[in-house]
Amino acid sequence: MNTEKIKIKDVYFDKAMKAIEGIVPEDEPILLELKGAFKEYLICTEKMVYIVKKGFMTGHTFGNGAFHLPYSSITNAEVNMHFASGYFELSGAGLENKQLSYWSNNKKDSAQQQPNVISLTSRANANDFREAAQFIMQRKSELESAPAVAPASAADEILKYKALLDQGILTQEEFDAKKKQLLGL
């Protein structure tokens, strides 16, 4: 799958983006956007995966629902497709995984009304979401294997404060206090 931004274009997408205003940080780039069967949207940023739902069929007659998980909390992303319908499901700690149905009238068994699930009604849509599932799990793996940024050593920090002292930004007393703090004295 091409990891460049995948974006849908439809009349509902602007509404979905308005629904997540204030939830997705403006400075966090969106990497992937897909639309499910109803007004259900999968939005992947650099750090989080969001599922936004609007409308009667998703249990949100008024307002919307926004579910999100950081990649580190995701345990699985998968598509469960039956004859003509199915769903995409995002799994994580504390989320119940059970067989859901697109056709169920029971809220507990309805794919449309689960916060971590997006309904699918076509094989093409299912294929897009399978690729999205692979993208999510790949992104999770990349973030987990990224080298951690080593914290600055006490010596490096002391050198920074010494430069501030030399520039006259810190007093000798402030420098000495910070030095003692960094050395744990």
N, C-alpha and C. Protein backbone atom coordinates (compact mmCIF):
# COMPACT_ATOMS: atom_id res chain seq x y z
N MET A 1 0.84 -1.19 0.00
CA MET A 1 0.00 0.00 0.00
C MET A 1 0.88 1.24 0.00
N ASN A 2 0.53 2.18 -0.79
CA ASN A 2 1.25 3.44 -0.84
C ASN A 2 1.01 4.17 0.47
N THR A 3 2.08 4.50 1.20
CA THR A 3 1.91 5.13 2.50
C THR A 3 1.71 6.64 2.41
N GLU A 4 1.65 7.16 1.20
CA GLU A 4 1.31 8.57 1.06
C GLU A 4 -0.14 8.74 1.48
N LYS A 5 -0.52 9.95 1.76
CA LYS A 5 -1.87 10.24 2.24
C LYS A 5 -2.93 9.71 1.28
N ILE A 6 -3.86 8.96 1.84
CA ILE A 6 -4.99 8.43 1.08
C ILE A 6 -6.19 9.25 1.53
N LYS A 7 -6.89 9.85 0.61
CA LYS A 7 -7.97 10.74 1.01
C LYS A 7 -9.21 10.48 0.17
N ILE A 8 -10.35 10.48 0.86
CA ILE A 8 -11.62 10.33 0.16
C ILE A 8 -12.15 11.71 -0.19
N LYS A 9 -12.99 11.75 -1.18
CA LYS A 9 -13.65 13.00 -1.55
C LYS A 9 -15.14 12.70 -1.65
N ASP A 10 -15.91 13.21 -0.75
CA ASP A 10 -17.36 13.08 -0.86
C ASP A 10 -18.02 14.21 -0.08
N VAL A 11 -19.31 14.31 -0.20
CA VAL A 11 -20.03 15.43 0.40
C VAL A 11 -20.04 15.36 1.91
N TYR A 12 -19.86 14.17 2.49
CA TYR A 12 -19.92 14.04 3.94
C TYR A 12 -18.58 14.29 4.61
N PHE A 13 -17.48 14.24 3.87
CA PHE A 13 -16.18 14.30 4.50
C PHE A 13 -15.96 15.62 5.24
N ASP A 14 -16.37 16.73 4.67
CA ASP A 14 -16.21 18.00 5.36
C ASP A 14 -16.96 18.00 6.69
N LYS A 15 -18.11 17.35 6.71
CA LYS A 15 -18.87 17.25 7.96
C LYS A 15 -18.11 16.42 8.98
N ALA A 16 -17.49 15.34 8.53
CA ALA A 16 -16.70 14.50 9.44
C ALA A 16 -15.51 15.28 9.98
N MET A 17 -14.86 16.05 9.12
CA MET A 17 -13.72 16.84 9.58
C MET A 17 -14.15 17.89 10.61
N LYS A 18 -15.33 18.46 10.42
CA LYS A 18 -15.84 19.42 11.40
C LYS A 18 -16.15 18.70 12.71
N ALA A 19 -16.58 17.44 12.61
CA ALA A 19 -16.91 16.68 13.81
C ALA A 19 -15.68 16.42 14.68
N ILE A 20 -14.49 16.35 14.07
CA ILE A 20 -13.30 16.07 14.86
C ILE A 20 -12.48 17.32 15.18
N GLU A 21 -13.00 18.49 14.80
CA GLU A 21 -12.31 19.72 15.16
C GLU A 21 -12.15 19.77 16.67
N GLY A 22 -10.97 20.10 17.12
CA GLY A 22 -10.70 20.15 18.54
C GLY A 22 -10.28 18.81 19.11
N ILE A 23 -10.45 17.73 18.35
CA ILE A 23 -10.03 16.40 18.80
C ILE A 23 -8.67 16.06 18.19
N VAL A 24 -8.54 16.26 16.90
CA VAL A 24 -7.27 16.00 16.21
C VAL A 24 -6.45 17.29 16.25
N PRO A 25 -5.25 17.23 16.81
CA PRO A 25 -4.42 18.44 16.83
C PRO A 25 -4.17 18.96 15.42
N GLU A 26 -4.29 20.25 15.25
CA GLU A 26 -4.14 20.86 13.93
C GLU A 26 -2.75 20.66 13.34
N ASP A 27 -1.75 20.54 14.21
CA ASP A 27 -0.38 20.37 13.72
C ASP A 27 -0.02 18.92 13.45
N GLU A 28 -0.96 18.00 13.64
CA GLU A 28 -0.70 16.59 13.39
C GLU A 28 -1.24 16.21 12.01
N PRO A 29 -0.35 15.89 11.08
CA PRO A 29 -0.79 15.58 9.72
C PRO A 29 -1.66 14.33 9.65
N ILE A 30 -2.66 14.37 8.78
CA ILE A 30 -3.51 13.22 8.54
C ILE A 30 -2.86 12.39 7.45
N LEU A 31 -2.68 11.10 7.72
CA LEU A 31 -2.01 10.20 6.79
C LEU A 31 -2.99 9.39 5.96
N LEU A 32 -4.18 9.11 6.51
CA LEU A 32 -5.13 8.25 5.82
C LEU A 32 -6.55 8.63 6.22
N GLU A 33 -7.45 8.64 5.25
CA GLU A 33 -8.87 8.94 5.49
C GLU A 33 -9.70 8.00 4.62
N LEU A 34 -10.64 7.30 5.21
CA LEU A 34 -11.55 6.43 4.46
C LEU A 34 -12.96 6.57 4.99
N LYS A 35 -13.94 6.35 4.13
CA LYS A 35 -15.34 6.41 4.50
C LYS A 35 -15.93 5.01 4.49
N GLY A 36 -16.71 4.68 5.53
CA GLY A 36 -17.40 3.40 5.60
C GLY A 36 -18.75 3.46 4.93
N ALA A 37 -19.63 2.52 5.29
CA ALA A 37 -20.94 2.40 4.63
C ALA A 37 -21.84 3.59 4.92
N PHE A 38 -21.82 4.09 6.11
CA PHE A 38 -22.68 5.22 6.47
C PHE A 38 -21.80 6.45 6.65
N LYS A 39 -22.16 7.31 7.56
CA LYS A 39 -21.33 8.47 7.84
C LYS A 39 -20.30 8.06 8.90
N GLU A 40 -19.45 7.09 8.50
CA GLU A 40 -18.41 6.55 9.37
C GLU A 40 -17.07 6.78 8.68
N TYR A 41 -16.11 7.30 9.42
CA TYR A 41 -14.83 7.67 8.83
C TYR A 41 -13.68 7.13 9.65
N LEU A 42 -12.68 6.62 8.97
CA LEU A 42 -11.43 6.20 9.57
C LEU A 42 -10.41 7.28 9.24
N ILE A 43 -9.78 7.83 10.26
CA ILE A 43 -8.80 8.88 10.07
C ILE A 43 -7.55 8.50 10.86
N CYS A 44 -6.44 8.38 10.16
CA CYS A 44 -5.16 8.03 10.79
C CYS A 44 -4.24 9.23 10.72
N THR A 45 -3.73 9.64 11.87
CA THR A 45 -2.73 10.71 11.91
C THR A 45 -1.38 10.06 12.21
N GLU A 46 -0.39 10.86 12.46
CA GLU A 46 0.93 10.30 12.76
C GLU A 46 0.94 9.54 14.08
N LYS A 47 0.08 9.94 15.04
CA LYS A 47 0.13 9.35 16.38
C LYS A 47 -1.12 8.56 16.77
N MET A 48 -2.26 8.84 16.14
CA MET A 48 -3.53 8.25 16.57
C MET A 48 -4.34 7.74 15.40
N VAL A 49 -5.28 6.86 15.73
CA VAL A 49 -6.28 6.39 14.78
C VAL A 49 -7.64 6.80 15.33
N TYR A 50 -8.44 7.45 14.49
CA TYR A 50 -9.76 7.94 14.90
C TYR A 50 -10.84 7.25 14.08
N ILE A 51 -11.97 6.99 14.73
CA ILE A 51 -13.18 6.56 14.04
C ILE A 51 -14.24 7.59 14.41
N VAL A 52 -14.76 8.28 13.40
CA VAL A 52 -15.76 9.31 13.61
C VAL A 52 -17.07 8.83 13.00
N LYS A 53 -18.16 8.94 13.77
CA LYS A 53 -19.46 8.49 13.30
C LYS A 53 -20.50 9.59 13.48
N LYS A 54 -21.36 9.70 12.49
CA LYS A 54 -22.47 10.65 12.53
C LYS A 54 -23.71 9.96 11.98
N GLY A 55 -24.86 10.42 12.37
CA GLY A 55 -26.09 9.96 11.75
C GLY A 55 -26.83 8.86 12.49
N PHE A 56 -28.09 8.73 12.13
CA PHE A 56 -29.02 7.80 12.76
C PHE A 56 -28.53 6.35 12.72
N MET A 57 -28.02 5.90 11.59
CA MET A 57 -27.63 4.50 11.44
C MET A 57 -26.47 4.12 12.36
N THR A 58 -25.70 5.08 12.81
CA THR A 58 -24.57 4.79 13.69
C THR A 58 -24.91 5.05 15.16
N GLY A 59 -26.17 5.36 15.43
CA GLY A 59 -26.58 5.63 16.81
C GLY A 59 -26.34 7.06 17.24
N HIS A 60 -26.10 7.94 16.29
CA HIS A 60 -25.83 9.35 16.60
C HIS A 60 -26.80 10.24 15.82
N THR A 61 -28.07 10.18 16.20
CA THR A 61 -29.08 10.97 15.51
C THR A 61 -28.73 12.45 15.56
N PHE A 62 -28.29 12.90 16.72
CA PHE A 62 -27.84 14.28 16.89
C PHE A 62 -26.40 14.22 17.35
N GLY A 63 -25.56 15.04 16.79
CA GLY A 63 -24.16 15.05 17.18
C GLY A 63 -23.35 13.97 16.47
N ASN A 64 -22.28 13.55 17.13
CA ASN A 64 -21.40 12.56 16.53
C ASN A 64 -20.69 11.78 17.61
N GLY A 65 -19.97 10.76 17.19
CA GLY A 65 -19.14 9.99 18.09
C GLY A 65 -17.73 9.98 17.55
N ALA A 66 -16.76 10.13 18.41
CA ALA A 66 -15.37 10.10 17.99
C ALA A 66 -14.61 9.16 18.92
N PHE A 67 -14.11 8.09 18.36
CA PHE A 67 -13.34 7.10 19.09
C PHE A 67 -11.89 7.22 18.61
N HIS A 68 -10.94 7.13 19.51
CA HIS A 68 -9.54 7.20 19.07
C HIS A 68 -8.64 6.34 19.96
N LEU A 69 -7.59 5.84 19.34
CA LEU A 69 -6.57 5.06 20.04
C LEU A 69 -5.19 5.45 19.51
N PRO A 70 -4.21 5.57 20.40
CA PRO A 70 -2.85 5.74 19.90
C PRO A 70 -2.38 4.41 19.31
N TYR A 71 -1.48 4.46 18.36
CA TYR A 71 -0.99 3.24 17.73
C TYR A 71 -0.46 2.25 18.77
N SER A 72 0.17 2.76 19.82
CA SER A 72 0.75 1.89 20.85
C SER A 72 -0.29 1.06 21.57
N SER A 73 -1.54 1.50 21.61
CA SER A 73 -2.61 0.77 22.30
C SER A 73 -3.38 -0.19 21.38
N ILE A 74 -3.10 -0.14 20.10
CA ILE A 74 -3.82 -0.99 19.15
C ILE A 74 -3.21 -2.39 19.16
N THR A 75 -4.08 -3.39 19.30
CA THR A 75 -3.61 -4.77 19.26
C THR A 75 -3.91 -5.42 17.91
N ASN A 76 -4.93 -4.94 17.21
CA ASN A 76 -5.26 -5.50 15.91
C ASN A 76 -6.18 -4.56 15.15
N ALA A 77 -6.09 -4.63 13.84
CA ALA A 77 -7.01 -3.93 12.94
C ALA A 77 -7.34 -4.94 11.86
N GLU A 78 -8.63 -5.21 11.67
CA GLU A 78 -8.99 -6.25 10.71
C GLU A 78 -10.34 -5.98 10.06
N VAL A 79 -10.55 -6.66 8.94
CA VAL A 79 -11.82 -6.60 8.22
C VAL A 79 -12.48 -7.97 8.34
N ASN A 80 -13.74 -7.96 8.69
CA ASN A 80 -14.54 -9.18 8.77
C ASN A 80 -15.66 -9.02 7.75
N MET A 81 -15.50 -9.65 6.60
CA MET A 81 -16.46 -9.47 5.50
C MET A 81 -17.24 -10.76 5.29
N HIS A 82 -18.55 -10.62 5.15
CA HIS A 82 -19.44 -11.75 4.87
C HIS A 82 -19.86 -11.66 3.40
N PHE A 83 -20.98 -12.22 3.06
CA PHE A 83 -21.42 -12.27 1.67
C PHE A 83 -21.49 -10.89 1.02
N ALA A 84 -22.26 -9.98 1.58
CA ALA A 84 -22.44 -8.67 0.95
C ALA A 84 -22.17 -7.51 1.90
N SER A 85 -21.80 -7.82 3.13
CA SER A 85 -21.55 -6.76 4.10
C SER A 85 -20.54 -7.25 5.12
N GLY A 86 -20.04 -6.33 5.88
CA GLY A 86 -19.07 -6.67 6.91
C GLY A 86 -18.67 -5.45 7.69
N TYR A 87 -17.49 -5.52 8.30
CA TYR A 87 -17.05 -4.39 9.10
C TYR A 87 -15.53 -4.41 9.28
N PHE A 88 -15.00 -3.22 9.55
CA PHE A 88 -13.61 -3.00 9.93
C PHE A 88 -13.62 -2.82 11.43
N GLU A 89 -12.72 -3.48 12.14
CA GLU A 89 -12.69 -3.37 13.60
C GLU A 89 -11.29 -3.05 14.08
N LEU A 90 -11.21 -2.10 14.98
CA LEU A 90 -9.97 -1.70 15.62
C LEU A 90 -10.00 -2.27 17.03
N SER A 91 -8.98 -3.06 17.38
CA SER A 91 -8.95 -3.70 18.70
C SER A 91 -7.84 -3.12 19.55
N GLY A 92 -8.09 -3.12 20.84
CA GLY A 92 -7.12 -2.64 21.81
C GLY A 92 -7.47 -3.17 23.17
N ALA A 93 -6.62 -2.93 24.14
CA ALA A 93 -6.87 -3.39 25.51
C ALA A 93 -8.19 -2.83 26.02
N GLY A 94 -8.98 -3.68 26.60
CA GLY A 94 -10.26 -3.26 27.17
C GLY A 94 -11.42 -3.23 26.20
N LEU A 95 -11.17 -3.53 24.92
CA LEU A 95 -12.24 -3.55 23.93
C LEU A 95 -12.68 -4.99 23.71
N GLU A 96 -13.97 -5.22 23.79
CA GLU A 96 -14.50 -6.57 23.60
C GLU A 96 -14.52 -6.92 22.13
N ASN A 97 -13.96 -8.07 21.81
CA ASN A 97 -13.98 -8.58 20.44
C ASN A 97 -15.00 -9.71 20.38
N LYS A 98 -16.03 -9.51 19.60
CA LYS A 98 -17.01 -10.56 19.40
C LYS A 98 -17.57 -10.42 17.99
N GLN A 99 -18.21 -11.46 17.53
CA GLN A 99 -18.79 -11.45 16.20
C GLN A 99 -19.92 -10.41 16.15
N LEU A 100 -19.84 -9.50 15.20
CA LEU A 100 -20.86 -8.47 15.03
C LEU A 100 -21.60 -8.72 13.73
N SER A 101 -22.74 -8.06 13.59
CA SER A 101 -23.53 -8.22 12.38
C SER A 101 -23.94 -6.86 11.84
N TYR A 102 -23.81 -6.72 10.55
CA TYR A 102 -24.26 -5.51 9.87
C TYR A 102 -25.77 -5.39 9.97
N TRP A 103 -26.48 -6.54 10.01
CA TRP A 103 -27.94 -6.55 9.95
C TRP A 103 -28.61 -6.59 11.31
N SER A 104 -27.89 -6.64 12.39
CA SER A 104 -28.48 -6.78 13.71
C SER A 104 -29.23 -5.52 14.15
N ASN A 105 -30.36 -5.73 14.81
CA ASN A 105 -31.12 -4.62 15.41
C ASN A 105 -30.72 -4.41 16.86
N ASN A 106 -29.97 -5.35 17.41
CA ASN A 106 -29.52 -5.28 18.80
C ASN A 106 -28.26 -4.40 18.85
N LYS A 107 -28.30 -3.33 19.64
CA LYS A 107 -27.19 -2.38 19.70
C LYS A 107 -25.88 -3.06 20.07
N LYS A 108 -25.91 -4.07 20.92
CA LYS A 108 -24.70 -4.75 21.36
C LYS A 108 -24.06 -5.59 20.25
N ASP A 109 -24.85 -6.03 19.29
CA ASP A 109 -24.34 -6.88 18.21
C ASP A 109 -24.25 -6.15 16.87
N SER A 110 -24.63 -4.88 16.85
CA SER A 110 -24.66 -4.11 15.60
C SER A 110 -23.30 -3.49 15.30
N ALA A 111 -22.77 -3.82 14.14
CA ALA A 111 -21.48 -3.25 13.73
C ALA A 111 -21.54 -1.73 13.63
N GLN A 112 -22.66 -1.20 13.16
CA GLN A 112 -22.78 0.25 12.97
C GLN A 112 -22.69 1.02 14.28
N GLN A 113 -23.11 0.41 15.39
CA GLN A 113 -23.22 1.16 16.62
C GLN A 113 -22.07 0.92 17.60
N GLN A 114 -21.09 0.14 17.20
CA GLN A 114 -19.90 -0.04 18.04
C GLN A 114 -18.92 1.10 17.78
N PRO A 115 -18.36 1.70 18.81
CA PRO A 115 -17.50 2.86 18.60
C PRO A 115 -16.21 2.56 17.84
N ASN A 116 -15.70 1.34 17.93
CA ASN A 116 -14.42 0.98 17.32
C ASN A 116 -14.59 0.19 16.01
N VAL A 117 -15.78 0.30 15.39
CA VAL A 117 -16.10 -0.48 14.20
C VAL A 117 -16.66 0.43 13.12
N ILE A 118 -16.34 0.12 11.85
CA ILE A 118 -16.90 0.83 10.70
C ILE A 118 -17.57 -0.19 9.80
N SER A 119 -18.82 0.07 9.44
CA SER A 119 -19.59 -0.83 8.57
C SER A 119 -19.10 -0.75 7.13
N LEU A 120 -19.15 -1.91 6.45
CA LEU A 120 -18.73 -2.00 5.05
C LEU A 120 -19.84 -2.68 4.25
N THR A 121 -20.08 -2.20 3.03
CA THR A 121 -21.13 -2.79 2.20
C THR A 121 -20.67 -3.21 0.82
N SER A 122 -19.38 -3.18 0.56
CA SER A 122 -18.91 -3.63 -0.75
C SER A 122 -17.54 -4.26 -0.63
N ARG A 123 -17.22 -5.13 -1.54
CA ARG A 123 -15.90 -5.79 -1.56
C ARG A 123 -14.79 -4.75 -1.81
N ALA A 124 -15.06 -3.79 -2.66
CA ALA A 124 -14.06 -2.75 -2.94
C ALA A 124 -13.76 -1.96 -1.68
N ASN A 125 -14.81 -1.61 -0.95
CA ASN A 125 -14.65 -0.88 0.31
C ASN A 125 -13.89 -1.74 1.31
N ALA A 126 -14.19 -3.02 1.35
CA ALA A 126 -13.49 -3.95 2.25
C ALA A 126 -12.01 -4.02 1.90
N ASN A 127 -11.68 -4.03 0.62
CA ASN A 127 -10.28 -4.07 0.21
C ASN A 127 -9.54 -2.81 0.65
N ASP A 128 -10.19 -1.64 0.52
CA ASP A 128 -9.58 -0.39 0.98
C ASP A 128 -9.29 -0.46 2.48
N PHE A 129 -10.24 -1.01 3.24
CA PHE A 129 -10.07 -1.09 4.69
C PHE A 129 -9.05 -2.17 5.07
N ARG A 130 -8.91 -3.22 4.27
CA ARG A 130 -7.84 -4.21 4.52
C ARG A 130 -6.47 -3.54 4.37
N GLU A 131 -6.34 -2.73 3.34
CA GLU A 131 -5.10 -1.98 3.15
C GLU A 131 -4.87 -1.01 4.31
N ALA A 132 -5.95 -0.38 4.78
CA ALA A 132 -5.85 0.53 5.92
C ALA A 132 -5.41 -0.24 7.17
N ALA A 133 -5.94 -1.44 7.37
CA ALA A 133 -5.55 -2.27 8.52
C ALA A 133 -4.05 -2.58 8.45
N GLN A 134 -3.56 -2.92 7.26
CA GLN A 134 -2.14 -3.18 7.09
C GLN A 134 -1.32 -1.92 7.38
N PHE A 135 -1.81 -0.79 6.90
CA PHE A 135 -1.14 0.49 7.14
C PHE A 135 -1.05 0.76 8.64
N ILE A 136 -2.15 0.56 9.36
CA ILE A 136 -2.20 0.82 10.81
C ILE A 136 -1.21 -0.07 11.55
N MET A 137 -1.21 -1.36 11.24
CA MET A 137 -0.31 -2.27 11.93
C MET A 137 1.15 -1.99 11.57
N GLN A 138 1.40 -1.58 10.32
CA GLN A 138 2.76 -1.21 9.91
C GLN A 138 3.20 0.05 10.66
N ARG A 139 2.32 1.03 10.75
CA ARG A 139 2.63 2.28 11.46
C ARG A 139 2.92 1.98 12.94
N LYS A 140 2.13 1.12 13.54
CA LYS A 140 2.34 0.72 14.94
C LYS A 140 3.73 0.11 15.09
N SER A 141 4.08 -0.79 14.19
CA SER A 141 5.38 -1.45 14.22
C SER A 141 6.52 -0.43 14.06
N GLU A 142 6.36 0.50 13.13
CA GLU A 142 7.38 1.54 12.91
C GLU A 142 7.59 2.38 14.16
N LEU A 143 6.50 2.76 14.81
CA LEU A 143 6.60 3.60 16.00
C LEU A 143 7.23 2.84 17.17
N GLU A 144 6.92 1.56 17.27
CA GLU A 144 7.48 0.76 18.36
C GLU A 144 8.97 0.49 18.15
N SER A 145 9.40 0.40 16.90
CA SER A 145 10.81 0.10 16.62
C SER A 145 11.67 1.35 16.47
N ALA A 146 11.05 2.52 16.49
CA ALA A 146 11.82 3.77 16.38
C ALA A 146 12.71 3.92 17.60
N PRO A 147 13.95 4.33 17.39
CA PRO A 147 14.85 4.48 18.54
C PRO A 147 14.35 5.61 19.44
N ALA A 148 14.43 5.35 20.71
CA ALA A 148 14.01 6.37 21.68
C ALA A 148 15.06 7.48 21.71
N VAL A 149 14.61 8.68 21.88
CA VAL A 149 15.53 9.81 21.97
C VAL A 149 16.15 9.78 23.36
N ALA A 150 17.45 9.69 23.38
CA ALA A 150 18.16 9.62 24.65
C ALA A 150 18.07 10.96 25.36
N PRO A 151 17.79 10.92 26.66
CA PRO A 151 17.74 12.18 27.39
C PRO A 151 19.15 12.78 27.48
N ALA A 152 19.18 14.08 27.55
CA ALA A 152 20.46 14.77 27.64
C ALA A 152 21.13 14.39 28.96
N SER A 153 22.43 14.20 28.91
CA SER A 153 23.16 13.86 30.14
C SER A 153 23.25 15.10 31.02
N ALA A 154 23.55 14.86 32.29
CA ALA A 154 23.69 15.97 33.23
C ALA A 154 24.82 16.90 32.79
N ALA A 155 25.89 16.30 32.26
CA ALA A 155 27.02 17.12 31.80
C ALA A 155 26.61 18.03 30.65
N ASP A 156 25.83 17.49 29.70
CA ASP A 156 25.36 18.31 28.58
C ASP A 156 24.49 19.46 29.07
N GLU A 157 23.62 19.16 30.02
CA GLU A 157 22.74 20.21 30.56
C GLU A 157 23.56 21.28 31.29
N ILE A 158 24.56 20.85 32.04
CA ILE A 158 25.39 21.82 32.76
C ILE A 158 26.11 22.73 31.78
N LEU A 159 26.60 22.16 30.68
CA LEU A 159 27.26 22.98 29.65
C LEU A 159 26.30 24.02 29.07
N LYS A 160 25.03 23.64 28.86
CA LYS A 160 24.04 24.60 28.35
C LYS A 160 23.84 25.74 29.33
N TYR A 161 23.73 25.39 30.63
CA TYR A 161 23.53 26.43 31.64
C TYR A 161 24.78 27.28 31.83
N LYS A 162 25.96 26.67 31.64
CA LYS A 162 27.22 27.43 31.72
C LYS A 162 27.27 28.49 30.62
N ALA A 163 26.81 28.12 29.42
CA ALA A 163 26.76 29.08 28.31
C ALA A 163 25.81 30.23 28.65
N LEU A 164 24.69 29.92 29.28
CA LEU A 164 23.75 30.97 29.69
C LEU A 164 24.38 31.87 30.76
N LEU A 165 25.17 31.27 31.67
CA LEU A 165 25.88 32.04 32.68
C LEU A 165 26.88 32.97 32.01
N ASP A 166 27.66 32.44 31.07
CA ASP A 166 28.67 33.23 30.37
C ASP A 166 28.06 34.38 29.57
N GLN A 167 26.83 34.17 29.08
CA GLN A 167 26.15 35.22 28.31
C GLN A 167 25.49 36.25 29.23
N GLY A 168 25.51 36.00 30.52
CA GLY A 168 24.91 36.93 31.47
C GLY A 168 23.41 36.74 31.63
N ILE A 169 22.86 35.67 31.08
CA ILE A 169 21.42 35.40 31.19
C ILE A 169 21.09 34.84 32.57
N LEU A 170 22.01 34.03 33.12
CA LEU A 170 21.84 33.48 34.47
C LEU A 170 22.84 34.12 35.41
N THR A 171 22.47 34.22 36.67
CA THR A 171 23.42 34.67 37.69
C THR A 171 24.22 33.46 38.16
N GLN A 172 25.31 33.70 38.88
CA GLN A 172 26.14 32.60 39.41
C GLN A 172 25.32 31.74 40.37
N GLU A 173 24.47 32.38 41.16
CA GLU A 173 23.64 31.64 42.12
C GLU A 173 22.64 30.73 41.39
N GLU A 174 22.03 31.24 40.34
CA GLU A 174 21.09 30.43 39.57
C GLU A 174 21.80 29.24 38.91
N PHE A 175 22.99 29.50 38.37
CA PHE A 175 23.76 28.43 37.74
C PHE A 175 24.13 27.36 38.76
N ASP A 176 24.63 27.80 39.93
CA ASP A 176 25.03 26.84 40.97
C ASP A 176 23.85 26.00 41.44
N ALA A 177 22.68 26.62 41.59
CA ALA A 177 21.49 25.90 42.03
C ALA A 177 21.09 24.85 40.97
N LYS A 178 21.13 25.23 39.71
CA LYS A 178 20.75 24.30 38.64
C LYS A 178 21.76 23.17 38.54
N LYS A 179 23.03 23.49 38.70
CA LYS A 179 24.09 22.48 38.65
C LYS A 179 23.89 21.44 39.76
N LYS A 180 23.61 21.93 40.98
CA LYS A 180 23.36 21.01 42.10
C LYS A 180 22.14 20.13 41.82
N GLN A 181 21.11 20.72 41.25
CA GLN A 181 19.89 19.96 40.93
C GLN A 181 20.19 18.86 39.91
N LEU A 182 20.94 19.21 38.88
CA LEU A 182 21.26 18.23 37.82
C LEU A 182 22.17 17.12 38.33
N LEU A 183 23.06 17.44 39.28
CA LEU A 183 23.96 16.43 39.82
C LEU A 183 23.33 15.67 40.99
N GLY A 184 22.14 16.07 41.38
CA GLY A 184 21.43 15.37 42.46
C GLY A 184 22.05 15.63 43.83
N LEU A 185 22.64 16.80 44.00
CA LEU A 185 23.27 17.15 45.28
C LEU A 185 22.35 17.92 46.18
